[in-house]
Protein backbone atom coordinates (compact mmCIF):
# COMPACT_ATOMS: atom_id res chain seq x y z
CA MET A 1 26.43 -12.24 14.71
CA THR A 2 28.23 -9.35 12.81
CA GLN A 3 26.90 -6.32 11.01
CA GLU A 4 29.66 -5.43 8.65
CA PRO A 5 29.38 -3.55 5.38
CA PHE A 6 29.48 -5.34 2.17
CA SER A 7 30.90 -3.95 -1.13
CA ARG A 8 28.74 -1.01 -2.00
CA PRO A 9 26.35 -0.05 0.95
CA GLY A 10 23.48 2.16 -0.29
CA ALA A 11 24.02 1.29 -3.89
CA VAL A 12 21.85 -0.97 -5.98
CA ASP A 13 22.75 -1.65 -9.71
CA LEU A 14 19.60 -2.81 -11.35
CA SER A 15 20.67 -2.53 -14.92
CA GLY A 16 21.41 -6.33 -14.98
CA LEU A 17 17.77 -7.12 -14.46
CA SER A 18 15.37 -7.67 -17.28
CA ALA A 19 13.94 -4.47 -18.49
CA THR A 20 11.06 -6.18 -19.89
CA ALA A 21 10.04 -8.20 -17.02
CA PRO A 22 6.31 -7.71 -16.15
CA ALA A 23 5.50 -5.90 -12.97
CA GLY A 24 3.80 -7.85 -10.34
CA ALA A 25 3.44 -8.99 -6.73
CA ALA A 26 6.05 -11.01 -5.26
CA GLY A 27 5.55 -14.72 -4.71
CA VAL A 28 3.74 -15.11 -1.30
CA SER A 29 5.39 -17.14 1.34
CA GLY A 30 3.59 -16.03 4.56
CA ALA A 31 1.69 -13.20 5.92
CA TYR A 32 4.69 -10.83 6.00
CA THR A 33 7.19 -12.94 3.82
CA VAL A 34 7.58 -12.95 0.02
CA THR A 35 9.75 -15.14 -2.22
CA VAL A 36 11.78 -12.60 -4.36
CA ASP A 37 12.33 -13.02 -8.06
CA GLU A 38 13.34 -10.62 -10.88
CA GLN A 39 9.70 -9.53 -11.47
CA SER A 40 9.04 -8.60 -7.91
CA PHE A 41 12.47 -7.27 -6.76
CA GLN A 42 11.81 -3.57 -7.60
CA SER A 43 8.32 -3.50 -6.11
CA LEU A 44 9.57 -4.90 -2.91
CA LEU A 45 12.28 -2.12 -2.90
CA GLU A 46 9.64 0.44 -3.45
CA SER A 47 7.55 -0.95 -0.51
CA SER A 48 10.48 -0.08 1.80
CA MET A 49 9.45 3.63 1.30
CA SER A 50 6.50 3.12 3.81
CA ALA A 51 7.94 0.52 6.05
CA PRO A 52 11.13 -1.50 6.59
CA VAL A 53 12.08 -4.38 4.26
CA MET A 54 14.63 -7.18 5.10
CA LEU A 55 16.15 -9.12 2.29
CA ALA A 56 17.48 -12.66 3.30
CA PHE A 57 20.02 -13.91 0.92
CA TYR A 58 20.62 -17.79 1.05
CA SER A 59 21.83 -20.60 -0.97
CA PRO A 60 20.50 -24.19 -0.31
CA SER A 61 23.34 -25.72 -2.23
CA ARG A 62 26.33 -23.61 -0.60
CA SER A 63 24.99 -22.77 2.75
CA PRO A 64 22.33 -24.69 4.76
CA GLU A 65 22.77 -22.28 7.61
CA SER A 66 21.59 -19.52 5.40
CA VAL A 67 18.39 -21.37 4.76
CA GLN A 68 17.86 -21.80 8.40
CA LEU A 69 18.48 -18.07 9.06
CA ALA A 70 15.82 -17.19 6.28
CA ASP A 71 13.35 -19.63 8.01
CA ASP A 72 13.94 -18.15 11.32
CA LEU A 73 13.42 -14.71 10.04
CA GLN A 74 10.16 -15.70 8.49
CA VAL A 75 8.89 -16.89 11.91
CA LEU A 76 9.99 -13.53 13.35
CA SER A 77 8.32 -11.54 10.67
CA ASN A 78 5.00 -12.93 11.93
CA GLU A 79 5.86 -12.18 15.48
CA PHE A 80 6.61 -8.50 14.46
CA GLU A 81 3.26 -8.32 12.72
CA GLY A 82 4.21 -5.96 9.79
CA ARG A 83 6.92 -3.92 11.38
CA PHE A 84 9.16 -5.43 8.69
CA LEU A 85 8.50 -7.29 5.48
CA LEU A 86 10.97 -10.21 4.68
CA GLY A 87 12.02 -11.05 1.19
CA ARG A 88 13.65 -14.47 0.84
CA VAL A 89 16.07 -14.25 -2.02
CA ASP A 90 17.54 -17.79 -3.27
CA ILE A 91 20.72 -16.73 -5.07
CA ASP A 92 20.96 -19.96 -6.64
CA ALA A 93 17.64 -19.32 -8.53
CA THR A 94 18.02 -15.69 -8.88
CA PRO A 95 21.85 -14.86 -9.35
CA GLN A 96 20.93 -11.67 -11.15
CA ILE A 97 19.56 -10.15 -7.91
CA ALA A 98 22.68 -11.21 -6.06
CA GLN A 99 24.77 -9.47 -8.77
CA ALA A 100 22.70 -6.30 -8.62
CA MET A 101 22.97 -6.00 -4.79
CA GLN A 102 26.64 -7.06 -5.04
CA ILE A 103 26.30 -9.71 -2.52
CA PRO A 104 29.76 -11.16 -1.43
CA SER A 105 28.56 -14.33 0.44
CA VAL A 106 25.76 -15.86 2.27
CA PRO A 107 24.22 -15.89 4.71
CA LEU A 108 23.30 -12.17 4.48
CA VAL A 109 20.58 -10.03 5.62
CA VAL A 110 20.08 -6.56 4.17
CA LEU A 111 17.76 -3.96 5.84
CA VAL A 112 16.19 -1.69 3.33
CA ALA A 113 14.53 1.44 4.64
CA GLN A 114 13.17 4.18 2.36
CA GLY A 115 15.01 2.56 -0.66
CA ARG A 116 18.36 2.55 1.05
CA PRO A 117 20.12 -0.92 1.68
CA VAL A 118 22.31 -1.47 4.67
CA PRO A 119 23.76 -4.84 5.73
CA LEU A 120 22.36 -6.05 8.89
CA ILE A 121 23.43 -9.75 9.49
CA GLN A 122 26.15 -11.85 7.89
CA ASN A 123 26.29 -15.04 9.73
CA ALA A 124 23.76 -17.34 11.39
CA ALA A 125 22.56 -16.79 15.04
CA PRO A 126 19.99 -18.25 17.41
CA ARG A 127 16.45 -16.83 16.83
CA GLU A 128 16.70 -15.18 20.27
CA GLU A 129 19.67 -13.09 19.21
CA LEU A 130 17.97 -12.22 15.84
CA ARG A 131 14.84 -11.17 17.75
CA ALA A 132 16.78 -8.92 19.90
CA ALA A 133 18.95 -7.42 17.01
CA ILE A 134 15.62 -6.80 14.99
CA THR A 135 14.02 -5.19 17.96
CA GLN A 136 16.84 -2.85 18.49
CA VAL A 137 16.95 -1.76 14.68
CA LEU A 138 13.18 -1.20 14.58
CA GLN A 139 13.42 0.90 17.83
CA GLN A 140 16.19 3.02 16.20
CA LEU A 141 13.87 3.45 12.96
CA THR A 142 10.83 4.32 15.25
CA ALA A 143 13.02 6.91 17.11
CA GLY A 144 13.90 8.48 13.78
CA GLY A 145 10.20 8.71 12.84
CA PHE A 146 9.94 5.75 10.53
CA THR A 147 6.97 4.01 12.02
CA GLY A 148 5.16 2.30 9.00
CA ARG A 149 3.71 -1.16 9.00
CA HIS A 150 3.22 -3.59 6.17
CA GLN A 151 -0.21 -5.13 5.66
CA PRO A 152 -0.48 -8.94 5.60
CA ARG A 153 0.11 -10.40 2.20
CA SER A 154 -2.54 -12.68 0.47
CA ALA A 155 -2.22 -16.28 1.68
CA GLY A 156 -2.11 -17.41 -1.99
CA VAL A 157 -4.31 -19.82 -3.78
CA ASP A 158 -5.19 -23.50 -3.09
CA GLU A 159 -5.02 -26.37 -5.77
CA GLU A 160 -8.19 -25.28 -7.40
CA GLY A 161 -7.03 -21.60 -7.88
CA GLU A 162 -9.19 -20.25 -4.96
CA GLU A 163 -7.72 -17.56 -2.93
CA LEU A 164 -6.84 -18.80 0.64
CA VAL A 165 -7.87 -16.95 3.69
CA ASP A 166 -5.33 -15.35 5.82
CA PRO A 167 -5.55 -17.30 8.89
CA ARG A 168 -5.52 -14.03 10.89
CA TYR A 169 -8.87 -13.13 9.51
CA ALA A 170 -10.46 -16.55 9.43
CA PRO A 171 -12.33 -16.30 12.69
CA ALA A 172 -13.99 -13.16 11.65
CA GLN A 173 -14.79 -14.31 8.13
CA ASP A 174 -16.29 -17.64 9.65
CA ALA A 175 -18.39 -15.70 12.00
CA LEU A 176 -19.76 -13.56 9.06
CA ALA A 177 -20.41 -16.79 6.99
CA ASN A 178 -22.46 -18.12 9.92
CA ASN A 179 -24.36 -14.67 10.18
CA ASP A 180 -22.61 -14.07 13.65
CA ILE A 181 -22.20 -10.30 12.93
CA GLU A 182 -21.55 -9.55 16.72
CA GLY A 183 -18.78 -12.35 16.66
CA ALA A 184 -17.21 -10.79 13.56
CA ILE A 185 -17.11 -7.38 15.13
CA ALA A 186 -15.37 -8.90 18.34
CA GLU A 187 -12.85 -10.74 16.12
CA TYR A 188 -12.01 -7.61 13.99
CA THR A 189 -11.81 -5.44 17.11
CA LYS A 190 -9.37 -7.83 18.58
CA LEU A 191 -7.20 -7.65 15.43
CA LEU A 192 -7.15 -3.87 15.54
CA ASP A 193 -6.31 -3.71 19.21
CA GLY A 194 -3.23 -5.71 18.42
CA ASN A 195 -2.33 -3.79 15.28
CA PRO A 196 -4.28 -0.39 14.89
CA ALA A 197 -2.61 -0.07 11.43
CA ASP A 198 -4.25 -3.24 10.09
CA ALA A 199 -6.23 -1.80 7.16
CA GLU A 200 -7.96 -4.95 6.32
CA ALA A 201 -9.06 -5.55 9.68
CA ALA A 202 -10.52 -1.91 9.84
CA ALA A 203 -12.38 -2.43 6.52
CA GLY A 204 -13.79 -5.69 7.77
CA LEU A 205 -14.91 -4.08 11.17
CA ALA A 206 -16.60 -1.24 9.14
CA MET A 207 -18.41 -3.62 6.89
CA ALA A 208 -19.55 -5.83 9.90
CA GLN A 209 -20.85 -2.69 11.66
CA LEU A 210 -22.69 -1.88 8.41
CA LEU A 211 -24.31 -5.29 8.39
CA GLN A 212 -25.21 -4.91 12.15
CA ARG A 213 -26.93 -1.42 11.50
CA THR A 214 -29.09 -2.61 8.49
CA GLN A 215 -30.26 -6.00 10.07
CA GLY A 216 -34.00 -6.21 9.56
CA ALA A 217 -34.26 -2.85 7.65
CA ASP A 218 -36.86 -2.48 4.85
CA LEU A 219 -35.41 -0.72 1.81
CA ASN A 220 -38.77 0.68 0.69
CA ALA A 221 -39.74 2.00 4.17
CA ALA A 222 -36.52 3.60 4.62
CA ARG A 223 -36.40 5.47 1.39
CA GLU A 224 -39.99 6.68 2.02
CA ALA A 225 -38.92 7.88 5.44
CA ALA A 226 -35.81 9.48 4.01
CA ALA A 227 -37.74 11.36 1.20
CA ALA A 228 -40.31 12.65 3.83
CA ASN A 229 -37.53 13.91 6.28
CA PRO A 230 -34.65 15.09 4.20
CA ASP A 231 -32.69 16.50 7.24
CA ASP A 232 -33.29 13.65 9.50
CA VAL A 233 -29.74 12.06 10.07
CA ASP A 234 -31.11 8.70 11.16
CA ALA A 235 -33.30 8.39 8.03
CA GLN A 236 -30.62 9.62 5.69
CA THR A 237 -27.71 7.36 7.21
CA LEU A 238 -30.03 4.20 7.05
CA VAL A 239 -30.62 4.69 3.27
CA ALA A 240 -26.96 5.40 2.61
CA ASP A 241 -26.01 2.13 4.44
CA LEU A 242 -28.55 0.25 2.26
CA ASP A 243 -27.30 2.02 -0.85
CA LEU A 244 -23.71 0.79 -0.02
CA LEU A 245 -24.83 -2.65 0.66
CA GLY A 246 -26.69 -2.57 -2.74
CA GLY A 247 -23.50 -1.51 -4.54
CA HIS A 248 -24.67 2.12 -5.05
CA VAL A 249 -21.52 3.41 -3.52
CA ASP A 250 -21.56 6.98 -5.16
CA ASP A 251 -25.25 7.32 -4.14
CA ALA A 252 -24.44 6.47 -0.64
CA PHE A 253 -21.63 9.06 -0.34
CA ASN A 254 -23.47 11.77 -2.29
CA ARG A 255 -26.55 11.44 -0.03
CA LEU A 256 -24.33 12.04 3.09
CA ILE A 257 -22.36 14.79 1.48
CA ASN A 258 -25.55 16.65 0.73
CA LEU A 259 -26.69 15.97 4.26
CA VAL A 260 -23.55 17.65 5.53
CA ARG A 261 -24.38 20.68 3.43
CA ARG A 262 -27.79 21.12 4.71
CA THR A 263 -27.27 20.42 8.47
CA ALA A 264 -25.26 22.20 11.18
CA GLU A 265 -23.57 21.56 14.54
CA GLU A 266 -24.33 17.95 16.04
CA ASP A 267 -26.42 16.76 13.00
CA ARG A 268 -23.67 17.85 10.71
CA ASP A 269 -20.98 15.99 12.71
CA ARG A 270 -23.08 12.97 12.91
CA ALA A 271 -23.46 12.83 9.15
CA ARG A 272 -19.69 13.42 8.56
CA THR A 273 -18.73 10.75 11.11
CA HIS A 274 -21.09 8.18 9.52
CA LEU A 275 -19.72 9.04 6.00
CA ILE A 276 -16.22 8.57 7.20
CA ALA A 277 -17.26 5.16 8.56
CA LEU A 278 -18.59 4.31 5.01
CA PHE A 279 -15.26 5.36 3.54
CA GLY A 280 -13.70 2.61 5.72
CA ALA A 281 -15.97 -0.11 4.69
CA VAL A 282 -15.13 0.64 0.91
CA GLY A 283 -11.47 1.17 1.37
CA ASN A 284 -9.38 4.42 1.40
CA ALA A 285 -7.57 3.37 -1.84
CA ASP A 286 -10.86 3.28 -3.75
CA PRO A 287 -11.16 6.19 -6.13
CA ARG A 288 -14.66 6.77 -5.19
CA VAL A 289 -13.81 7.29 -1.63
CA GLN A 290 -10.90 9.68 -2.66
CA ARG A 291 -13.37 11.70 -4.81
CA ALA A 292 -15.95 11.79 -1.99
CA ARG A 293 -13.35 12.97 0.52
CA ARG A 294 -12.56 15.92 -1.67
CA ASP A 295 -16.46 16.63 -1.91
CA LEU A 296 -16.70 16.37 1.87
CA ALA A 297 -14.03 18.81 2.31
CA SER A 298 -15.79 21.09 0.03
CA ALA A 299 -19.08 20.78 1.86
CA LEU A 300 -17.38 21.50 5.29
CA PHE A 301 -15.35 24.45 4.34
C-alpha cells in the first residue's frame, strides 16, 4: 500500500460540475457511507470541516480491485463508528468528479480533512492493513486537535417509501414501541457509552427519560399544583415535561426559564439542569432550543 501524491494535492476544481445541480444529501449506502454524485459532492466536502471524510474512487469496468477496496472501507467505516465518513465515487458513473479531483487512476482513496484533500491509498491492500493505516491517520488527526465524529446517516427508505430504522437504534425504538421505557433507556445508554458524541442516541435517551418521568401523571392535577406553588421545582418541572410531550415546546422552556429567574442556589440549579435535559430531548439544532439557550443565559447572568 502506497501513499503517494497525485497531480494537485490540496486543489479541487469544482467548475466542471453543474452549477445548477440541486443541493441535497448524498445517496445513502450505510451508517457511515454515502454514494457520491454531482449533487452531493460539495456537501460531502463541507462535512469534512467537522470530521474526516474519505473518498474511495473506483471503477467496476476497469478495476475490480478498486471495488473491493471500497467495499472493505465501507465495512471499516462502521467499525470506526463515525471517526470518518466514507464517500464511494464510481468514476464510470460520475466522471466529472474524477476530473474535478484530477484523479490519475484507480484504486485511489483521498482523505479530506477541513476541506483539504490528501491522497491516502493508491492500491489495494488487505483489510487488516487498511485498518492499521486508518487508525494511524486518525491518531495523527486527533493529536492535532481534529476530534470530530460523524453521526450515522439515515438507513434510507423501503420499497413503500417508509424510512428504514438504523439498526443501531432498532432495539431502543422497539423497546419504546412495546412501552418498555426502562429497556429503551438501557439501550440508548449503551449506545452513548460506546460513542458519547452520538447526538441521536442522546436525544433518544432524553426523550425516554422524559416519558419515564411523566408516566401516570395527571395533567390537570399537575397544572393546579404548579399554579398553587410557583416556586416549587418539582411541580414546575413536571408541567414543563407534560407541555413538551404535548408539543408546547416554547411553553415548557419559558416556564423553566422563569423558574430560573425566581429561584436561587440549589433550586435554581435544578431548574437549569432540567431545562438543559429538555433541550436534549428536542435537539440542539432546533431554533426553539437555540432561542431558549439565549434566554437562559440572560436569566442566569
